[in-house]
Amino acid sequence: MDPSLLRQITDSEWRIEPHGKMRVPAVLFATAPLIAAMDAKVYEQIVNVASLPGIQRAAFAMPDAHWGYGFPIGGVAAFDPDDAGVVSAGGVGFDISCGVRLLLTGLEASALAPVRHALADALFHHVPAGVGSRGLIDLSDSQLDDMLGQGAAWALSLGYGVPADLDRTEERGVMAGARPDCVSDFARNRQRREMGTLGSGNHYLEVQRVAEIFSPSPAAAFGLRLHDAVVSIHCGSRGLGHQIGTEFLRDMVALAPSFGIDLPDRELACAPIRSPLGESYLGAMRAAINCALANRQIITHLVRRAFAEVLPHAELAVLYDVSHNTCKLEPHSVDGRPKQLFIHRKGATRAFGPGHPSLPESLRSTGQPVLIGGTMGTSSYVLAGTPDSERVSFSSSCHGAGRLMSRHQASKTWSGRQLVDQLAAHGILIRSPSTRGIAEEAPGAYKDVTAVVEAAESAGLSRRVARLEPLICIKG
């Protein structure tokens, strides 16, 4: 992206003033090198987002922003239903509630060294991964309804986990307002055998070492200790979420003219929040959030089972579970006035600051954990929401490194087999059913995650707590 198109506010904040059909400014949080590395399409897309009806304050792009479908990935926007605000399936994305859950093992990483190959094999055996991967559960129609309505609590009722897991999960594991009746039979059928699976793409299961502590007090509150081993689970709502996104985008495109909506880009197809179509999408999208929460809950159980075979003394308590790719109704302030707004976060993480009432008591003094995923051979990060995040970005932060090149480009640039060998030479074990999938997710295909989190901290979106290094990675 050409930085001359933007007005620089600070070292980590840039602004596009309203012009054309824009209703509000667009704000990009990034350093100059990250702005220069962003594809030009991000500019076009964030300007288009700022043109949608009912948008509040500004359209935001996180430091990891890159070209997406409709919204840029890393895009955040808030809409007021009392001001003709809309909900956009493209503003949520296809992988609804893709997110990260972090588990504490209670063990030093050195304890894993003698059994790391056995642990990698056990995790790969217990947690299905890859395109079309199937779990051990075959859901009936009534079970599908229960899962879509009750989320992680449904999984817990079947014995997949312990009650404490829900205390450290957004929405306590259950997204209110879900409407399983708004999920099509086709979407439901895609999910019957996919619960407890990682899927493909950038999803992973990773064993990591706490390599660096930046903020001792929140790290202690989070249970993070230097050199300890942790486990990160990154996945979403699988085929069901993708199908919901596909179907509602089609309907929103077809009906936009009847709502009087002039779309700047058909990929930004949307519907008024207070319309039958908007309400149906929200109900289906919330059901997909519950699907993702249940999926990560089941995978947590499978991870515990794998560890029990190799390292039975591991604790595997949940530190936190955060979702990306959502639209949630939240109280926020606009020009000093409290409002109930629908916050789209596409490839972005909620980052409530200290004292927020939705946080569990044990985390309220620190702010919400923000979990930032790496890329097989690179670091991941744990951050925390800041007191300024509400004012700066509707309590939102980045979610990962952000792609530099497409999966197609990456697969032509790297060999999956060579990457496995290179990473093994650095002490990182990879298990995957697809060498092509490994090439597509090569670390070099992504931005520098450290630069991204430093920009997020500089902008006041979230602050660094700990850096994690990969030891074992299970990829789809």
Protein backbone atom coordinates (compact mmCIF):
# COMPACT_ATOMS: atom_id res chain seq x y z
CA MET A 1 0.00 0.00 0.00
CA ASP A 2 1.20 3.50 -0.80
CA PRO A 3 1.58 5.36 2.55
CA SER A 4 1.08 8.68 0.76
CA LEU A 5 -2.61 7.78 0.43
CA LEU A 6 -2.94 7.99 4.22
CA ARG A 7 -2.53 10.69 6.83
CA GLN A 8 -0.15 9.57 9.55
CA ILE A 9 -1.40 10.33 13.08
CA THR A 10 1.25 8.53 15.16
CA ASP A 11 3.96 5.95 14.54
CA SER A 12 1.25 3.26 14.60
CA GLU A 13 -1.95 5.00 13.49
CA TRP A 14 -2.95 6.17 10.00
CA ARG A 15 -6.17 7.74 8.79
CA ILE A 16 -8.21 7.99 5.60
CA GLU A 17 -10.49 11.00 5.73
CA PRO A 18 -14.08 10.56 4.54
CA HIS A 19 -14.46 11.07 0.82
CA GLY A 20 -16.81 9.82 -1.84
CA LYS A 21 -19.47 7.65 -0.20
CA MET A 22 -17.59 7.19 3.07
CA ARG A 23 -19.76 7.90 6.12
CA VAL A 24 -16.89 7.79 8.64
CA PRO A 25 -13.07 7.83 8.49
CA ALA A 26 -10.99 4.70 8.13
CA VAL A 27 -8.21 4.09 10.66
CA LEU A 28 -5.30 1.69 10.12
CA PHE A 29 -3.13 0.61 13.04
CA ALA A 30 0.34 -0.27 11.75
CA THR A 31 3.92 0.94 11.48
CA ALA A 32 5.21 2.41 8.22
CA PRO A 33 6.87 -0.88 7.16
CA LEU A 34 3.64 -2.82 7.83
CA ILE A 35 1.62 -0.25 5.85
CA ALA A 36 4.04 -0.55 2.94
CA ALA A 37 3.74 -4.36 3.06
CA MET A 38 -0.08 -4.33 2.96
CA ASP A 39 -1.64 -5.10 -0.41
CA ALA A 40 -3.35 -2.12 -2.04
CA LYS A 41 -6.70 -3.90 -1.86
CA VAL A 42 -6.81 -3.22 1.91
CA TYR A 43 -7.19 0.50 1.18
CA GLU A 44 -10.07 -0.11 -1.21
CA GLN A 45 -11.82 -2.52 1.12
CA ILE A 46 -11.58 -0.46 4.32
CA VAL A 47 -12.87 2.59 2.41
CA ASN A 48 -15.84 0.51 1.23
CA VAL A 49 -16.54 -0.68 4.79
CA ALA A 50 -16.60 2.96 5.91
CA SER A 51 -19.40 3.53 3.37
CA LEU A 52 -21.88 1.05 4.84
CA PRO A 53 -25.13 2.23 6.49
CA GLY A 54 -25.13 2.76 10.23
CA ILE A 55 -21.38 2.46 10.75
CA GLN A 56 -20.13 4.18 13.91
CA ARG A 57 -17.00 6.20 14.66
CA ALA A 58 -14.65 4.64 12.04
CA ALA A 59 -13.78 1.53 10.05
CA PHE A 60 -10.64 -0.03 11.54
CA ALA A 61 -7.86 -2.20 10.13
CA MET A 62 -5.57 -4.12 12.48
CA PRO A 63 -1.76 -4.37 12.03
CA ASP A 64 -2.10 -7.80 10.38
CA ALA A 65 -4.66 -6.61 7.82
CA HIS A 66 -4.66 -8.10 4.34
CA TRP A 67 -7.05 -8.59 1.46
CA GLY A 68 -10.15 -10.61 2.35
CA TYR A 69 -13.66 -11.19 1.06
CA GLY A 70 -15.54 -7.88 1.34
CA PHE A 71 -13.94 -6.73 4.59
CA PRO A 72 -10.17 -6.91 4.79
CA ILE A 73 -9.01 -9.65 7.11
CA GLY A 74 -8.15 -7.67 10.21
CA GLY A 75 -11.17 -5.41 9.68
CA VAL A 76 -13.33 -4.11 12.54
CA ALA A 77 -16.56 -2.10 12.24
CA ALA A 78 -19.44 -1.26 14.57
CA PHE A 79 -23.05 -0.75 13.46
CA ASP A 80 -25.97 0.83 15.27
CA PRO A 81 -29.33 -0.87 14.67
CA ASP A 82 -31.05 2.40 15.62
CA ASP A 83 -29.24 4.16 12.77
CA ALA A 84 -30.16 1.74 9.96
CA GLY A 85 -27.10 -0.35 10.82
CA VAL A 86 -26.37 -3.51 8.84
CA VAL A 87 -24.88 -6.93 9.40
CA SER A 88 -22.58 -8.28 6.70
CA ALA A 89 -21.70 -11.93 6.20
CA GLY A 90 -18.53 -10.72 4.48
CA GLY A 91 -17.74 -8.71 7.61
CA VAL A 92 -17.72 -11.90 9.66
CA GLY A 93 -16.12 -14.22 7.14
CA PHE A 94 -16.57 -17.82 6.11
CA ASP A 95 -14.70 -19.47 8.99
CA ILE A 96 -17.13 -18.22 11.62
CA SER A 97 -15.66 -18.10 15.14
CA CYS A 98 -12.28 -19.36 14.07
CA GLY A 99 -10.36 -18.86 17.28
CA VAL A 100 -7.58 -19.89 19.62
CA ARG A 101 -7.68 -21.76 22.93
CA LEU A 102 -4.57 -21.93 25.09
CA LEU A 103 -3.99 -24.73 27.62
CA LEU A 104 -1.51 -24.70 30.51
CA THR A 105 0.32 -28.00 31.02
CA GLY A 106 1.88 -27.17 34.39
CA LEU A 107 5.08 -28.79 33.10
CA GLU A 108 8.41 -27.31 32.09
CA ALA A 109 9.13 -27.77 28.40
CA SER A 110 12.25 -29.75 29.29
CA ALA A 111 9.97 -32.53 30.60
CA LEU A 112 8.68 -33.04 27.06
CA ALA A 113 12.10 -33.53 25.46
CA PRO A 114 12.46 -37.29 26.11
CA VAL A 115 8.96 -38.04 24.77
CA ARG A 116 8.41 -35.32 22.18
CA HIS A 117 8.18 -37.72 19.20
CA ALA A 118 5.75 -39.95 21.08
CA LEU A 119 3.70 -36.89 22.10
CA ALA A 120 3.61 -35.57 18.52
CA ASP A 121 2.42 -38.97 17.29
CA ALA A 122 -0.22 -39.24 20.02
CA LEU A 123 -1.63 -35.79 19.27
CA PHE A 124 -1.69 -36.51 15.53
CA HIS A 125 -3.45 -39.81 16.21
CA HIS A 126 -6.12 -38.41 18.53
CA VAL A 127 -6.97 -35.11 16.78
CA PRO A 128 -8.16 -35.52 13.16
CA ALA A 129 -6.71 -32.88 10.84
CA GLY A 130 -6.84 -31.98 7.16
CA VAL A 131 -9.36 -31.40 4.39
CA GLY A 132 -12.49 -33.48 4.94
CA SER A 133 -11.24 -34.83 8.27
CA ARG A 134 -13.88 -36.70 10.26
CA GLY A 135 -14.31 -37.06 13.99
CA LEU A 136 -15.56 -39.99 16.05
CA ILE A 137 -18.96 -38.37 16.70
CA ASP A 138 -21.85 -38.83 14.25
CA LEU A 139 -24.52 -36.31 15.27
CA SER A 140 -28.23 -36.98 14.99
CA ASP A 141 -30.62 -34.15 14.13
CA SER A 142 -31.47 -33.56 17.79
CA GLN A 143 -27.79 -33.61 18.77
CA LEU A 144 -27.05 -31.06 16.06
CA ASP A 145 -29.76 -28.79 17.48
CA ASP A 146 -28.33 -29.17 20.99
CA MET A 147 -24.77 -28.49 19.83
CA LEU A 148 -25.77 -25.41 17.78
CA GLY A 149 -27.79 -24.03 20.67
CA GLN A 150 -25.54 -24.86 23.62
CA GLY A 151 -21.96 -24.70 22.31
CA ALA A 152 -19.19 -25.83 24.63
CA ALA A 153 -21.74 -26.51 27.39
CA TRP A 154 -23.22 -29.22 25.15
CA ALA A 155 -19.79 -30.82 24.74
CA LEU A 156 -19.27 -30.63 28.49
CA SER A 157 -22.60 -32.41 29.08
CA LEU A 158 -21.24 -35.36 27.08
CA GLY A 159 -18.12 -35.57 29.23
CA TYR A 160 -15.77 -33.56 27.01
CA GLY A 161 -14.11 -31.38 29.62
CA VAL A 162 -14.67 -29.93 33.08
CA PRO A 163 -16.83 -26.99 34.26
CA ALA A 164 -13.78 -24.78 34.84
CA ASP A 165 -13.18 -24.81 31.07
CA LEU A 166 -16.26 -22.65 30.52
CA ASP A 167 -15.10 -20.01 33.02
CA ARG A 168 -12.14 -19.24 30.74
CA THR A 169 -14.08 -19.17 27.46
CA GLU A 170 -15.70 -16.15 25.80
CA GLU A 171 -19.45 -16.08 26.50
CA ARG A 172 -18.71 -18.90 29.01
CA GLY A 173 -18.82 -21.23 26.03
CA VAL A 174 -22.41 -20.52 24.93
CA MET A 175 -23.35 -17.78 22.45
CA ALA A 176 -26.82 -16.51 23.32
CA GLY A 177 -29.35 -15.90 20.58
CA ALA A 178 -28.36 -18.86 18.42
CA ARG A 179 -31.09 -20.14 16.10
CA PRO A 180 -30.41 -23.67 14.86
CA ASP A 181 -33.59 -23.41 12.76
CA CYS A 182 -31.81 -20.80 10.58
CA VAL A 183 -29.04 -23.26 9.67
CA SER A 184 -29.75 -25.09 6.41
CA ASP A 185 -29.88 -28.87 6.13
CA PHE A 186 -26.86 -28.73 3.82
CA ALA A 187 -24.79 -26.81 6.38
CA ARG A 188 -25.89 -29.15 9.15
CA ASN A 189 -24.99 -32.23 7.12
CA ARG A 190 -21.51 -30.86 6.50
CA GLN A 191 -20.95 -30.84 10.27
CA ARG A 192 -22.36 -34.23 11.30
CA ARG A 193 -18.94 -35.90 11.31
CA GLU A 194 -16.64 -32.90 11.72
CA MET A 195 -16.85 -32.23 15.46
CA GLY A 196 -13.50 -32.57 17.19
CA THR A 197 -11.47 -31.93 14.02
CA LEU A 198 -8.91 -29.26 13.13
CA GLY A 199 -9.64 -28.96 9.44
CA SER A 200 -7.06 -27.45 7.08
CA GLY A 201 -5.66 -24.08 6.04
CA ASN A 202 -4.06 -22.08 8.84
CA HIS A 203 -5.59 -24.21 11.58
CA TYR A 204 -3.26 -26.06 13.90
CA LEU A 205 -2.62 -27.70 17.23
CA GLU A 206 0.70 -26.60 18.66
CA VAL A 207 2.76 -27.44 21.74
CA GLN A 208 4.79 -24.39 22.70
CA ARG A 209 7.34 -23.15 25.22
CA VAL A 210 6.94 -19.88 27.12
CA ALA A 211 10.13 -18.24 25.83
CA GLU A 212 9.77 -14.70 27.17
CA ILE A 213 7.71 -12.83 29.75
CA PHE A 214 7.06 -9.12 29.11
CA SER A 215 4.56 -8.32 31.89
CA PRO A 216 5.09 -10.40 35.04
CA SER A 217 1.85 -9.46 36.83
CA PRO A 218 -0.63 -10.45 34.08
CA ALA A 219 1.55 -13.43 33.20
CA ALA A 220 1.21 -14.68 36.77
CA ALA A 221 -2.55 -14.08 36.68
CA PHE A 222 -2.74 -16.03 33.41
CA GLY A 223 -0.68 -18.91 34.88
CA LEU A 224 2.21 -18.41 32.44
CA ARG A 225 5.68 -19.28 33.72
CA LEU A 226 8.95 -18.93 31.86
CA HIS A 227 10.02 -22.18 30.12
CA ASP A 228 6.70 -23.94 30.78
CA ALA A 229 4.97 -25.89 28.01
CA VAL A 230 1.55 -24.78 26.78
CA VAL A 231 -0.81 -26.05 24.07
CA SER A 232 -2.54 -23.86 21.51
CA ILE A 233 -5.63 -24.97 19.54
CA HIS A 234 -6.56 -22.90 16.47
CA CYS A 235 -9.71 -23.90 14.56
CA GLY A 236 -13.30 -22.84 13.91
CA SER A 237 -16.74 -23.95 12.78
CA ARG A 238 -15.45 -26.07 9.88
CA GLY A 239 -17.81 -26.75 6.95
CA LEU A 240 -20.90 -25.54 8.76
CA GLY A 241 -19.61 -21.98 9.17
CA HIS A 242 -18.40 -21.83 5.59
CA GLN A 243 -21.76 -22.98 4.29
CA ILE A 244 -23.65 -20.43 6.39
CA GLY A 245 -21.44 -17.65 5.05
CA THR A 246 -21.89 -18.82 1.47
CA GLU A 247 -25.68 -19.09 1.65
CA PHE A 248 -26.34 -15.80 3.43
CA LEU A 249 -23.95 -13.84 1.21
CA ARG A 250 -25.94 -15.09 -1.78
CA ASP A 251 -29.23 -14.01 -0.19
CA MET A 252 -27.84 -10.64 0.91
CA VAL A 253 -26.60 -9.84 -2.59
CA ALA A 254 -29.99 -10.70 -4.06
CA LEU A 255 -32.00 -8.65 -1.54
CA ALA A 256 -29.72 -5.61 -1.07
CA PRO A 257 -31.68 -3.49 -3.63
CA SER A 258 -34.96 -4.21 -1.84
CA PHE A 259 -33.42 -2.76 1.35
CA GLY A 260 -32.32 0.36 -0.53
CA ILE A 261 -28.65 -0.55 0.02
CA ASP A 262 -26.21 0.58 -2.67
CA LEU A 263 -23.31 -1.84 -2.29
CA PRO A 264 -19.85 -0.43 -3.04
CA ASP A 265 -18.76 -4.05 -3.60
CA ARG A 266 -21.04 -7.06 -3.94
CA GLU A 267 -18.71 -8.93 -1.58
CA LEU A 268 -19.90 -6.49 1.12
CA ALA A 269 -23.44 -7.84 0.78
CA CYS A 270 -25.38 -7.02 3.92
CA ALA A 271 -28.85 -6.66 5.38
CA PRO A 272 -30.35 -4.33 7.95
CA ILE A 273 -29.84 -5.72 11.44
CA ARG A 274 -33.55 -5.22 12.04
CA SER A 275 -34.80 -7.20 9.07
CA PRO A 276 -35.89 -10.83 8.76
CA LEU A 277 -32.77 -11.64 6.73
CA GLY A 278 -30.46 -9.83 9.14
CA GLU A 279 -32.02 -11.54 12.14
CA SER A 280 -31.86 -14.95 10.45
CA TYR A 281 -28.18 -14.47 9.63
CA LEU A 282 -27.39 -13.43 13.19
CA GLY A 283 -29.19 -16.50 14.50
CA ALA A 284 -27.31 -18.83 12.13
CA MET A 285 -23.98 -17.08 12.74
CA ARG A 286 -24.41 -17.42 16.51
CA ALA A 287 -25.15 -21.12 16.03
CA ALA A 288 -21.88 -21.39 14.11
CA ILE A 289 -20.06 -19.66 16.99
CA ASN A 290 -21.48 -22.36 19.28
CA CYS A 291 -20.28 -24.98 16.82
CA ALA A 292 -16.74 -23.60 16.97
CA LEU A 293 -16.80 -23.38 20.77
CA ALA A 294 -18.00 -26.98 21.00
CA ASN A 295 -15.37 -28.05 18.49
CA ARG A 296 -12.50 -26.54 20.47
CA GLN A 297 -13.96 -28.04 23.65
CA ILE A 298 -13.95 -31.53 22.16
CA ILE A 299 -10.43 -31.07 20.82
CA THR A 300 -9.35 -30.02 24.32
CA HIS A 301 -10.64 -33.37 25.58
CA LEU A 302 -8.73 -35.21 22.83
CA VAL A 303 -5.54 -33.32 23.65
CA ARG A 304 -5.90 -34.30 27.29
CA ARG A 305 -6.35 -37.90 26.24
CA ALA A 306 -3.17 -37.79 24.13
CA PHE A 307 -1.16 -36.23 26.95
CA ALA A 308 -2.49 -38.83 29.39
CA GLU A 309 -0.86 -41.54 27.30
CA VAL A 310 2.56 -39.87 27.27
CA LEU A 311 2.69 -37.29 30.10
CA PRO A 312 -0.04 -38.21 32.58
CA HIS A 313 1.04 -35.50 35.06
CA ALA A 314 0.17 -32.65 32.69
CA GLU A 315 -2.65 -30.42 33.98
CA LEU A 316 -4.01 -28.88 30.74
CA ALA A 317 -6.18 -26.21 32.31
CA VAL A 318 -7.70 -23.65 29.95
CA LEU A 319 -6.04 -20.24 30.11
CA TYR A 320 -8.59 -18.68 27.72
CA ASP A 321 -10.54 -19.25 24.50
CA VAL A 322 -11.00 -16.32 22.10
CA SER A 323 -12.93 -16.11 18.83
CA HIS A 324 -12.22 -14.24 15.62
CA ASN A 325 -14.69 -13.81 12.74
CA THR A 326 -17.76 -12.82 14.71
CA CYS A 327 -20.43 -10.15 15.00
CA LYS A 328 -21.42 -9.53 18.62
CA LEU A 329 -23.82 -7.14 20.31
CA GLU A 330 -21.85 -5.14 22.88
CA PRO A 331 -22.20 -1.90 24.87
CA HIS A 332 -19.84 0.82 23.67
CA SER A 333 -19.56 4.58 23.81
CA VAL A 334 -19.80 6.85 20.76
CA ASP A 335 -19.21 10.57 21.26
CA GLY A 336 -19.80 10.07 24.98
CA ARG A 337 -23.13 8.32 24.48
CA PRO A 338 -23.64 4.67 25.49
CA LYS A 339 -24.90 2.50 22.65
CA GLN A 340 -25.63 -1.15 21.94
CA LEU A 341 -23.60 -1.89 18.82
CA PHE A 342 -23.03 -4.88 16.58
CA ILE A 343 -19.24 -5.25 16.33
CA HIS A 344 -17.90 -7.07 13.28
CA ARG A 345 -14.43 -8.48 13.89
CA LYS A 346 -13.08 -10.28 10.84
CA GLY A 347 -9.65 -11.68 11.57
CA ALA A 348 -9.62 -9.61 14.75
CA THR A 349 -9.86 -10.42 18.45
CA ARG A 350 -11.99 -8.92 21.18
CA ALA A 351 -9.67 -7.24 23.69
CA PHE A 352 -11.61 -6.03 26.72
CA GLY A 353 -9.54 -3.99 29.14
CA PRO A 354 -9.11 -4.34 32.92
CA GLY A 355 -12.31 -4.20 34.93
CA HIS A 356 -14.63 -5.32 32.16
CA PRO A 357 -17.63 -7.06 33.77
CA SER A 358 -17.73 -9.89 31.22
CA LEU A 359 -14.31 -11.16 32.31
CA PRO A 360 -13.99 -13.84 34.99
CA GLU A 361 -13.04 -12.42 38.38
CA SER A 362 -9.58 -13.97 38.18
CA LEU A 363 -8.79 -11.99 35.01
CA ARG A 364 -10.66 -8.76 35.67
CA SER A 365 -7.66 -6.87 37.02
CA THR A 366 -5.45 -7.78 34.04
CA GLY A 367 -7.72 -7.38 31.03
CA GLN A 368 -8.77 -10.07 28.62
CA PRO A 369 -6.14 -12.49 27.31
CA VAL A 370 -5.55 -11.91 23.58
CA LEU A 371 -4.07 -14.97 21.85
CA ILE A 372 -2.00 -14.30 18.71
CA GLY A 373 -1.07 -17.31 16.60
CA GLY A 374 2.23 -17.80 14.81
CA THR A 375 3.11 -19.86 11.75
CA MET A 376 4.71 -23.24 12.56
CA GLY A 377 8.26 -21.93 12.77
CA THR A 378 7.59 -18.54 14.32
CA SER A 379 6.57 -17.23 17.72
CA SER A 380 3.05 -16.85 19.02
CA TYR A 381 2.06 -14.26 21.61
CA VAL A 382 -0.20 -13.77 24.59
CA LEU A 383 -1.36 -10.17 25.00
CA ALA A 384 -3.91 -8.48 27.24
CA GLY A 385 -6.56 -5.86 26.60
CA THR A 386 -5.69 -2.33 27.70
CA PRO A 387 -7.62 0.46 29.44
CA ASP A 388 -7.47 2.36 26.11
CA SER A 389 -8.70 -0.42 23.81
CA GLU A 390 -12.36 0.60 24.14
CA ARG A 391 -11.63 4.17 23.09
CA VAL A 392 -9.15 3.22 20.38
CA SER A 393 -10.83 0.32 18.57
CA PHE A 394 -14.07 -0.81 20.23
CA SER A 395 -11.90 -3.16 22.36
CA SER A 396 -10.40 -4.98 19.38
CA SER A 397 -6.91 -6.20 18.52
CA CYS A 398 -5.06 -8.17 15.86
CA HIS A 399 -5.40 -11.96 15.63
CA GLY A 400 -2.23 -13.25 13.94
CA ALA A 401 0.64 -12.43 11.64
CA GLY A 402 -1.40 -11.83 8.47
CA ARG A 403 -0.54 -13.31 5.09
CA LEU A 404 2.04 -11.82 2.75
CA MET A 405 1.27 -14.13 -0.15
CA SER A 406 -1.54 -16.43 -1.28
CA ARG A 407 -1.57 -20.14 -0.55
CA HIS A 408 -1.09 -20.82 -4.25
CA GLN A 409 2.02 -18.63 -4.33
CA ALA A 410 3.35 -20.25 -1.19
CA SER A 411 2.90 -23.79 -2.53
CA LYS A 412 4.88 -22.82 -5.64
CA THR A 413 7.63 -21.21 -3.57
CA TRP A 414 8.24 -23.87 -0.91
CA SER A 415 8.35 -27.64 -0.65
CA GLY A 416 6.38 -29.07 2.24
CA ARG A 417 8.86 -31.89 2.73
CA GLN A 418 11.80 -29.51 2.86
CA LEU A 419 10.00 -27.30 5.36
CA VAL A 420 9.38 -30.30 7.64
CA ASP A 421 13.09 -31.13 7.55
CA GLN A 422 14.17 -27.52 8.06
CA LEU A 423 11.87 -27.06 11.05
CA ALA A 424 12.97 -30.41 12.55
CA ALA A 425 16.55 -29.15 12.39
CA HIS A 426 15.42 -26.28 14.60
CA GLY A 427 13.74 -28.64 17.07
CA ILE A 428 10.16 -28.22 15.77
CA LEU A 429 8.27 -31.40 14.94
CA ILE A 430 5.55 -31.20 12.27
CA ARG A 431 2.78 -33.74 11.76
CA SER A 432 0.36 -33.30 8.87
CA PRO A 433 -1.58 -35.43 6.37
CA SER A 434 -0.60 -33.00 3.57
CA THR A 435 2.83 -31.74 2.52
CA ARG A 436 1.06 -29.27 0.22
CA GLY A 437 -0.82 -27.88 3.22
CA ILE A 438 2.52 -27.35 4.99
CA ALA A 439 3.90 -25.46 1.99
CA GLU A 440 0.80 -23.26 1.83
CA GLU A 441 1.33 -22.28 5.46
CA ALA A 442 5.10 -21.72 5.23
CA PRO A 443 6.34 -19.19 7.80
CA GLY A 444 7.70 -17.04 4.96
CA ALA A 445 4.18 -16.62 3.56
CA TYR A 446 3.26 -14.49 6.57
CA LYS A 447 4.23 -11.11 7.97
CA ASP A 448 6.57 -10.78 10.93
CA VAL A 449 4.28 -11.56 13.85
CA THR A 450 6.58 -9.74 16.27
CA ALA A 451 6.26 -6.53 14.24
CA VAL A 452 2.48 -6.97 14.24
CA VAL A 453 2.16 -7.35 18.02
CA GLU A 454 4.59 -4.50 18.66
CA ALA A 455 2.39 -2.27 16.48
CA ALA A 456 -0.71 -3.43 18.37
CA GLU A 457 0.96 -2.53 21.66
CA SER A 458 2.16 0.83 20.36
CA ALA A 459 -1.37 1.69 19.20
CA GLY A 460 -2.88 0.79 22.58
CA LEU A 461 -4.93 -2.12 21.21
CA SER A 462 -3.36 -4.67 23.58
CA ARG A 463 -0.12 -5.15 25.49
CA ARG A 464 2.40 -7.97 25.32
CA VAL A 465 2.40 -10.49 28.16
CA ALA A 466 4.41 -13.46 26.85
CA ARG A 467 6.07 -14.89 23.77
CA LEU A 468 5.68 -18.58 22.90
CA GLU A 469 7.96 -20.71 20.71
CA PRO A 470 6.71 -23.83 18.83
CA LEU A 471 7.89 -27.33 19.76
CA ILE A 472 5.30 -29.56 18.04
CA CYS A 473 2.81 -28.52 15.38
CA ILE A 474 -0.10 -30.60 14.03
CA LYS A 475 -1.29 -29.09 10.72
CA GLY A 476 -4.24 -29.89 8.49
